[in-house]
Amino acid sequence: MPRPLLAAAAGLFVLMLGIPPTNAQANTQKDSPRKESAPDVPDSIQVPAGEEVVLFVHASGSQIYACQAAAGDRFSWTLKGPEAELRDRDDTVIGQHSAGPTWKLKDGSEVTGKAAAQVDSLDADSIPWLLVKVASNSGKGVLAKVTSIQRVHTKGGRPPAEGCDAAHHDAESKSSYTADYYFFAPGK
């Protein structure tokens, strides 16, 4: 090949490398599922063998507490439930987390669970890390086959240190928190 043609071909190749992908290529890259790794957690909140991560979300919102009568004449803050947005790795809101505890995604799938185990957060001023066992699933989306959930990397969310007494019976308090949730289902 003559040198001018070879140089032109090389230049064209370099230009082609700088061209962004076509819409079809971009959609294929975006639609391919991202393989998530399970977080590094203590043994007490590990999921059962054979379960794999099917979804990661970052929650941001509040833990809501109610001032309730406790043993004797004492009162204490009792967790009423969370109220948080769930965001994917692209920071897109994909669902909500609420009392139950319940996680509901925009794809129509939903799970409700029950805490099975907990460990203290690495941040002493934050709510514990949890292993949650799913009690019920609904819908046909991502959460349809989820069996376990881990709450990790918590920041904040603790109940107030004071302000709960007979004069404040049934008062509510919101405590800001963030956490990462990993949703697991049986492997294929």
C-alpha atoms as a PDB file:
ATOM      1  CA  MET A   1       0.000   0.000   0.000  1.00  0.00           C
ATOM      2  CA  PRO A   2       1.441   3.419  -0.912  1.00  0.00           C
ATOM      3  CA  ARG A   3       2.543   5.553   2.041  1.00  0.00           C
ATOM      4  CA  PRO A   4      -0.083   8.310   1.620  1.00  0.00           C
ATOM      5  CA  LEU A   5      -2.866   5.719   1.631  1.00  0.00           C
ATOM      6  CA  LEU A   6      -1.322   3.923   4.604  1.00  0.00           C
ATOM      7  CA  ALA A   7      -1.072   7.206   6.554  1.00  0.00           C
ATOM      8  CA  ALA A   8      -4.677   8.085   5.662  1.00  0.00           C
ATOM      9  CA  ALA A   9      -5.875   4.636   6.774  1.00  0.00           C
ATOM     10  CA  ALA A  10      -3.959   4.937  10.057  1.00  0.00           C
ATOM     11  CA  GLY A  11      -5.397   8.416  10.633  1.00  0.00           C
ATOM     12  CA  LEU A  12      -8.911   7.164   9.920  1.00  0.00           C
ATOM     13  CA  PHE A  13      -8.380   4.291  12.373  1.00  0.00           C
ATOM     14  CA  VAL A  14      -7.251   6.728  15.091  1.00  0.00           C
ATOM     15  CA  LEU A  15     -10.303   8.919  14.431  1.00  0.00           C
ATOM     16  CA  MET A  16     -12.567   5.876  14.630  1.00  0.00           C
ATOM     17  CA  LEU A  17     -11.205   5.085  18.090  1.00  0.00           C
ATOM     18  CA  GLY A  18     -12.377   8.489  19.309  1.00  0.00           C
ATOM     19  CA  ILE A  19     -15.911   8.131  17.959  1.00  0.00           C
ATOM     20  CA  PRO A  20     -18.513   7.427  20.630  1.00  0.00           C
ATOM     21  CA  PRO A  21     -20.482   4.185  20.265  1.00  0.00           C
ATOM     22  CA  THR A  22     -23.631   4.138  18.170  1.00  0.00           C
ATOM     23  CA  ASN A  23     -26.991   4.160  19.956  1.00  0.00           C
ATOM     24  CA  ALA A  24     -27.313   0.398  19.475  1.00  0.00           C
ATOM     25  CA  GLN A  25     -23.861  -0.179  20.983  1.00  0.00           C
ATOM     26  CA  ALA A  26     -24.558   2.183  23.896  1.00  0.00           C
ATOM     27  CA  ASN A  27     -27.892   0.501  24.672  1.00  0.00           C
ATOM     28  CA  THR A  28     -26.302  -2.950  24.639  1.00  0.00           C
ATOM     29  CA  GLN A  29     -23.597  -1.810  27.054  1.00  0.00           C
ATOM     30  CA  LYS A  30     -26.127  -0.139  29.376  1.00  0.00           C
ATOM     31  CA  ASP A  31     -28.604  -3.035  29.312  1.00  0.00           C
ATOM     32  CA  SER A  32     -26.062  -5.730  30.131  1.00  0.00           C
ATOM     33  CA  PRO A  33     -26.409  -6.458  33.851  1.00  0.00           C
ATOM     34  CA  ARG A  34     -23.565  -5.439  36.109  1.00  0.00           C
ATOM     35  CA  LYS A  35     -22.282  -8.373  38.115  1.00  0.00           C
ATOM     36  CA  GLU A  36     -22.176  -7.281  41.760  1.00  0.00           C
ATOM     37  CA  SER A  37     -19.927  -8.867  44.335  1.00  0.00           C
ATOM     38  CA  ALA A  38     -21.192  -9.630  47.817  1.00  0.00           C
ATOM     39  CA  PRO A  39     -19.911  -7.219  50.476  1.00  0.00           C
ATOM     40  CA  ASP A  40     -17.281  -8.265  52.980  1.00  0.00           C
ATOM     41  CA  VAL A  41     -19.251  -8.870  56.198  1.00  0.00           C
ATOM     42  CA  PRO A  42     -18.864 -10.764  59.486  1.00  0.00           C
ATOM     43  CA  ASP A  43     -19.922 -14.425  59.469  1.00  0.00           C
ATOM     44  CA  SER A  44     -23.024 -13.727  61.574  1.00  0.00           C
ATOM     45  CA  ILE A  45     -24.683 -11.772  58.739  1.00  0.00           C
ATOM     46  CA  GLN A  46     -23.488 -13.911  55.812  1.00  0.00           C
ATOM     47  CA  VAL A  47     -26.155 -15.142  53.403  1.00  0.00           C
ATOM     48  CA  PRO A  48     -26.640 -18.895  52.917  1.00  0.00           C
ATOM     49  CA  ALA A  49     -24.259 -20.663  50.541  1.00  0.00           C
ATOM     50  CA  GLY A  50     -25.449 -20.674  46.950  1.00  0.00           C
ATOM     51  CA  GLU A  51     -27.104 -17.253  47.023  1.00  0.00           C
ATOM     52  CA  GLU A  52     -25.854 -14.557  44.646  1.00  0.00           C
ATOM     53  CA  VAL A  53     -26.226 -10.784  44.545  1.00  0.00           C
ATOM     54  CA  VAL A  54     -28.986  -9.777  42.114  1.00  0.00           C
ATOM     55  CA  LEU A  55     -29.220  -6.089  43.050  1.00  0.00           C
ATOM     56  CA  PHE A  56     -27.291  -3.364  44.855  1.00  0.00           C
ATOM     57  CA  VAL A  57     -28.980  -0.138  46.001  1.00  0.00           C
ATOM     58  CA  HIS A  58     -27.925   2.842  48.093  1.00  0.00           C
ATOM     59  CA  ALA A  59     -30.619   4.094  50.474  1.00  0.00           C
ATOM     60  CA  SER A  60     -30.900   7.657  51.688  1.00  0.00           C
ATOM     61  CA  GLY A  61     -33.638   8.851  54.009  1.00  0.00           C
ATOM     62  CA  SER A  62     -34.778   8.555  57.603  1.00  0.00           C
ATOM     63  CA  GLN A  63     -35.292   6.032  60.341  1.00  0.00           C
ATOM     64  CA  ILE A  64     -38.529   7.044  62.075  1.00  0.00           C
ATOM     65  CA  TYR A  65     -38.853   6.509  65.831  1.00  0.00           C
ATOM     66  CA  ALA A  66     -41.879   6.817  68.128  1.00  0.00           C
ATOM     67  CA  CYS A  67     -41.708   7.550  71.858  1.00  0.00           C
ATOM     68  CA  GLN A  68     -43.391   4.543  73.497  1.00  0.00           C
ATOM     69  CA  ALA A  69     -44.020   3.328  77.027  1.00  0.00           C
ATOM     70  CA  ALA A  70     -41.502   0.684  78.055  1.00  0.00           C
ATOM     71  CA  ALA A  71     -41.165  -1.467  81.169  1.00  0.00           C
ATOM     72  CA  GLY A  72     -42.317   0.241  84.356  1.00  0.00           C
ATOM     73  CA  ASP A  73     -42.785   3.981  84.085  1.00  0.00           C
ATOM     74  CA  ARG A  74     -40.021   4.329  81.509  1.00  0.00           C
ATOM     75  CA  PHE A  75     -40.296   5.487  77.928  1.00  0.00           C
ATOM     76  CA  SER A  76     -37.992   4.788  74.997  1.00  0.00           C
ATOM     77  CA  TRP A  77     -37.649   5.483  71.301  1.00  0.00           C
ATOM     78  CA  THR A  78     -39.002   2.539  69.282  1.00  0.00           C
ATOM     79  CA  LEU A  79     -38.337   2.078  65.565  1.00  0.00           C
ATOM     80  CA  LYS A  80     -41.485   2.730  63.581  1.00  0.00           C
ATOM     81  CA  GLY A  81     -39.827   2.161  60.224  1.00  0.00           C
ATOM     82  CA  PRO A  82     -37.596   3.559  57.519  1.00  0.00           C
ATOM     83  CA  GLU A  83     -38.508   6.064  54.847  1.00  0.00           C
ATOM     84  CA  ALA A  84     -35.845   6.126  52.144  1.00  0.00           C
ATOM     85  CA  GLU A  85     -35.188   6.394  48.427  1.00  0.00           C
ATOM     86  CA  LEU A  86     -33.336   3.535  46.760  1.00  0.00           C
ATOM     87  CA  ARG A  87     -30.782   4.481  44.103  1.00  0.00           C
ATOM     88  CA  ASP A  88     -28.788   2.333  41.715  1.00  0.00           C
ATOM     89  CA  ARG A  89     -25.086   2.750  40.890  1.00  0.00           C
ATOM     90  CA  ASP A  90     -25.998   5.476  38.357  1.00  0.00           C
ATOM     91  CA  ASP A  91     -27.708   7.454  41.182  1.00  0.00           C
ATOM     92  CA  THR A  92     -31.133   6.903  39.598  1.00  0.00           C
ATOM     93  CA  VAL A  93     -34.048   6.477  42.007  1.00  0.00           C
ATOM     94  CA  ILE A  94     -35.368   2.961  41.384  1.00  0.00           C
ATOM     95  CA  GLY A  95     -37.549   2.396  44.447  1.00  0.00           C
ATOM     96  CA  GLN A  96     -38.554   3.071  48.034  1.00  0.00           C
ATOM     97  CA  HIS A  97     -37.839   1.509  51.416  1.00  0.00           C
ATOM     98  CA  SER A  98     -40.570   1.704  54.067  1.00  0.00           C
ATOM     99  CA  ALA A  99     -41.989   0.105  57.199  1.00  0.00           C
ATOM    100  CA  GLY A 100     -42.382  -3.635  57.158  1.00  0.00           C
ATOM    101  CA  PRO A 101     -39.494  -3.509  56.385  1.00  0.00           C
ATOM    102  CA  THR A 102     -40.453  -3.350  52.720  1.00  0.00           C
ATOM    103  CA  TRP A 103     -38.466  -2.587  49.588  1.00  0.00           C
ATOM    104  CA  LYS A 104     -40.494  -1.699  46.483  1.00  0.00           C
ATOM    105  CA  LEU A 105     -38.979  -1.080  43.063  1.00  0.00           C
ATOM    106  CA  LYS A 106     -40.380   0.849  40.120  1.00  0.00           C
ATOM    107  CA  ASP A 107     -40.377  -2.423  38.126  1.00  0.00           C
ATOM    108  CA  GLY A 108     -43.340  -3.534  40.297  1.00  0.00           C
ATOM    109  CA  SER A 109     -41.460  -6.051  42.427  1.00  0.00           C
ATOM    110  CA  GLU A 110     -41.524  -5.893  46.217  1.00  0.00           C
ATOM    111  CA  VAL A 111     -40.155  -7.774  49.208  1.00  0.00           C
ATOM    112  CA  THR A 112     -40.911  -7.666  52.908  1.00  0.00           C
ATOM    113  CA  GLY A 113     -38.446  -9.109  55.366  1.00  0.00           C
ATOM    114  CA  LYS A 114     -37.547  -9.780  58.968  1.00  0.00           C
ATOM    115  CA  ALA A 115     -34.173  -9.118  60.571  1.00  0.00           C
ATOM    116  CA  ALA A 116     -32.399 -12.432  61.203  1.00  0.00           C
ATOM    117  CA  ALA A 117     -29.047 -11.182  62.547  1.00  0.00           C
ATOM    118  CA  GLN A 118     -27.157  -7.976  63.203  1.00  0.00           C
ATOM    119  CA  VAL A 119     -23.684  -6.657  63.980  1.00  0.00           C
ATOM    120  CA  ASP A 120     -22.608  -3.245  65.173  1.00  0.00           C
ATOM    121  CA  SER A 121     -21.810  -0.760  62.446  1.00  0.00           C
ATOM    122  CA  LEU A 122     -18.173   0.174  61.954  1.00  0.00           C
ATOM    123  CA  ASP A 123     -19.414   3.700  62.767  1.00  0.00           C
ATOM    124  CA  ALA A 124     -20.489   3.718  66.437  1.00  0.00           C
ATOM    125  CA  ASP A 125     -23.016   6.508  65.761  1.00  0.00           C
ATOM    126  CA  SER A 126     -24.854   4.451  63.129  1.00  0.00           C
ATOM    127  CA  ILE A 127     -27.537   1.780  63.046  1.00  0.00           C
ATOM    128  CA  PRO A 128     -26.360  -1.854  62.887  1.00  0.00           C
ATOM    129  CA  TRP A 129     -25.604  -3.897  59.805  1.00  0.00           C
ATOM    130  CA  LEU A 130     -28.272  -6.536  59.187  1.00  0.00           C
ATOM    131  CA  LEU A 131     -29.046  -9.842  57.568  1.00  0.00           C
ATOM    132  CA  VAL A 132     -32.722  -9.816  56.591  1.00  0.00           C
ATOM    133  CA  LYS A 133     -34.645 -12.928  55.582  1.00  0.00           C
ATOM    134  CA  VAL A 134     -37.382 -12.287  53.032  1.00  0.00           C
ATOM    135  CA  ALA A 135     -40.856 -13.171  54.317  1.00  0.00           C
ATOM    136  CA  SER A 136     -42.809 -12.347  51.140  1.00  0.00           C
ATOM    137  CA  ASN A 137     -42.212 -11.410  47.504  1.00  0.00           C
ATOM    138  CA  SER A 138     -44.604  -9.895  44.987  1.00  0.00           C
ATOM    139  CA  GLY A 139     -44.386  -8.769  41.379  1.00  0.00           C
ATOM    140  CA  LYS A 140     -42.302 -10.129  38.528  1.00  0.00           C
ATOM    141  CA  GLY A 141     -39.313  -7.769  38.623  1.00  0.00           C
ATOM    142  CA  VAL A 142     -35.825  -7.982  40.104  1.00  0.00           C
ATOM    143  CA  LEU A 143     -37.006  -8.710  43.659  1.00  0.00           C
ATOM    144  CA  ALA A 144     -39.312 -11.601  42.680  1.00  0.00           C
ATOM    145  CA  LYS A 145     -36.846 -14.345  43.694  1.00  0.00           C
ATOM    146  CA  VAL A 146     -34.897 -12.506  46.414  1.00  0.00           C
ATOM    147  CA  THR A 147     -34.464 -14.548  49.610  1.00  0.00           C
ATOM    148  CA  SER A 148     -31.924 -12.542  51.657  1.00  0.00           C
ATOM    149  CA  ILE A 149     -30.900  -8.900  52.073  1.00  0.00           C
ATOM    150  CA  GLN A 150     -27.833  -7.386  53.713  1.00  0.00           C
ATOM    151  CA  ARG A 151     -27.809  -3.820  55.068  1.00  0.00           C
ATOM    152  CA  VAL A 152     -24.218  -2.572  55.318  1.00  0.00           C
ATOM    153  CA  HIS A 153     -22.121   0.619  55.305  1.00  0.00           C
ATOM    154  CA  THR A 154     -24.642   2.434  57.497  1.00  0.00           C
ATOM    155  CA  LYS A 155     -24.264   6.109  58.420  1.00  0.00           C
ATOM    156  CA  GLY A 156     -26.547   7.690  61.000  1.00  0.00           C
ATOM    157  CA  GLY A 157     -30.075   6.528  61.743  1.00  0.00           C
ATOM    158  CA  ARG A 158     -29.769   6.153  65.514  1.00  0.00           C
ATOM    159  CA  PRO A 159     -32.698   7.187  67.761  1.00  0.00           C
ATOM    160  CA  PRO A 160     -32.373  10.458  69.677  1.00  0.00           C
ATOM    161  CA  ALA A 161     -30.450  10.231  72.955  1.00  0.00           C
ATOM    162  CA  GLU A 162     -33.162  12.112  74.857  1.00  0.00           C
ATOM    163  CA  GLY A 163     -36.608  13.671  74.560  1.00  0.00           C
ATOM    164  CA  CYS A 164     -38.706  10.566  75.157  1.00  0.00           C
ATOM    165  CA  ASP A 165     -40.774  10.729  78.349  1.00  0.00           C
ATOM    166  CA  ALA A 166     -44.433  10.720  79.461  1.00  0.00           C
ATOM    167  CA  ALA A 167     -44.883  14.269  78.173  1.00  0.00           C
ATOM    168  CA  HIS A 168     -43.768  13.141  74.687  1.00  0.00           C
ATOM    169  CA  HIS A 169     -45.689   9.840  74.488  1.00  0.00           C
ATOM    170  CA  ASP A 170     -46.313   8.908  70.813  1.00  0.00           C
ATOM    171  CA  ALA A 171     -44.080  11.750  69.563  1.00  0.00           C
ATOM    172  CA  GLU A 172     -42.083  10.901  66.446  1.00  0.00           C
ATOM    173  CA  SER A 173     -38.517  11.700  65.536  1.00  0.00           C
ATOM    174  CA  LYS A 174     -36.750  11.236  62.188  1.00  0.00           C
ATOM    175  CA  SER A 175     -33.072  10.380  62.115  1.00  0.00           C
ATOM    176  CA  SER A 176     -31.249  10.768  58.773  1.00  0.00           C
ATOM    177  CA  TYR A 177     -29.385   7.717  57.513  1.00  0.00           C
ATOM    178  CA  THR A 178     -27.745   6.128  54.508  1.00  0.00           C
ATOM    179  CA  ALA A 179     -26.986   2.472  53.887  1.00  0.00           C
ATOM    180  CA  ASP A 180     -26.148   0.023  51.136  1.00  0.00           C
ATOM    181  CA  TYR A 181     -28.509  -2.888  50.548  1.00  0.00           C
ATOM    182  CA  TYR A 182     -27.514  -6.075  48.734  1.00  0.00           C
ATOM    183  CA  PHE A 183     -30.329  -8.343  47.545  1.00  0.00           C
ATOM    184  CA  PHE A 184     -29.594 -12.063  47.119  1.00  0.00           C
ATOM    185  CA  ALA A 185     -31.373 -14.896  45.303  1.00  0.00           C
ATOM    186  CA  PRO A 186     -30.483 -18.558  44.792  1.00  0.00           C
ATOM    187  CA  GLY A 187     -27.736 -18.949  42.150  1.00  0.00           C
ATOM    188  CA  LYS A 188     -28.453 -20.433  38.757  1.00  0.00           C
END
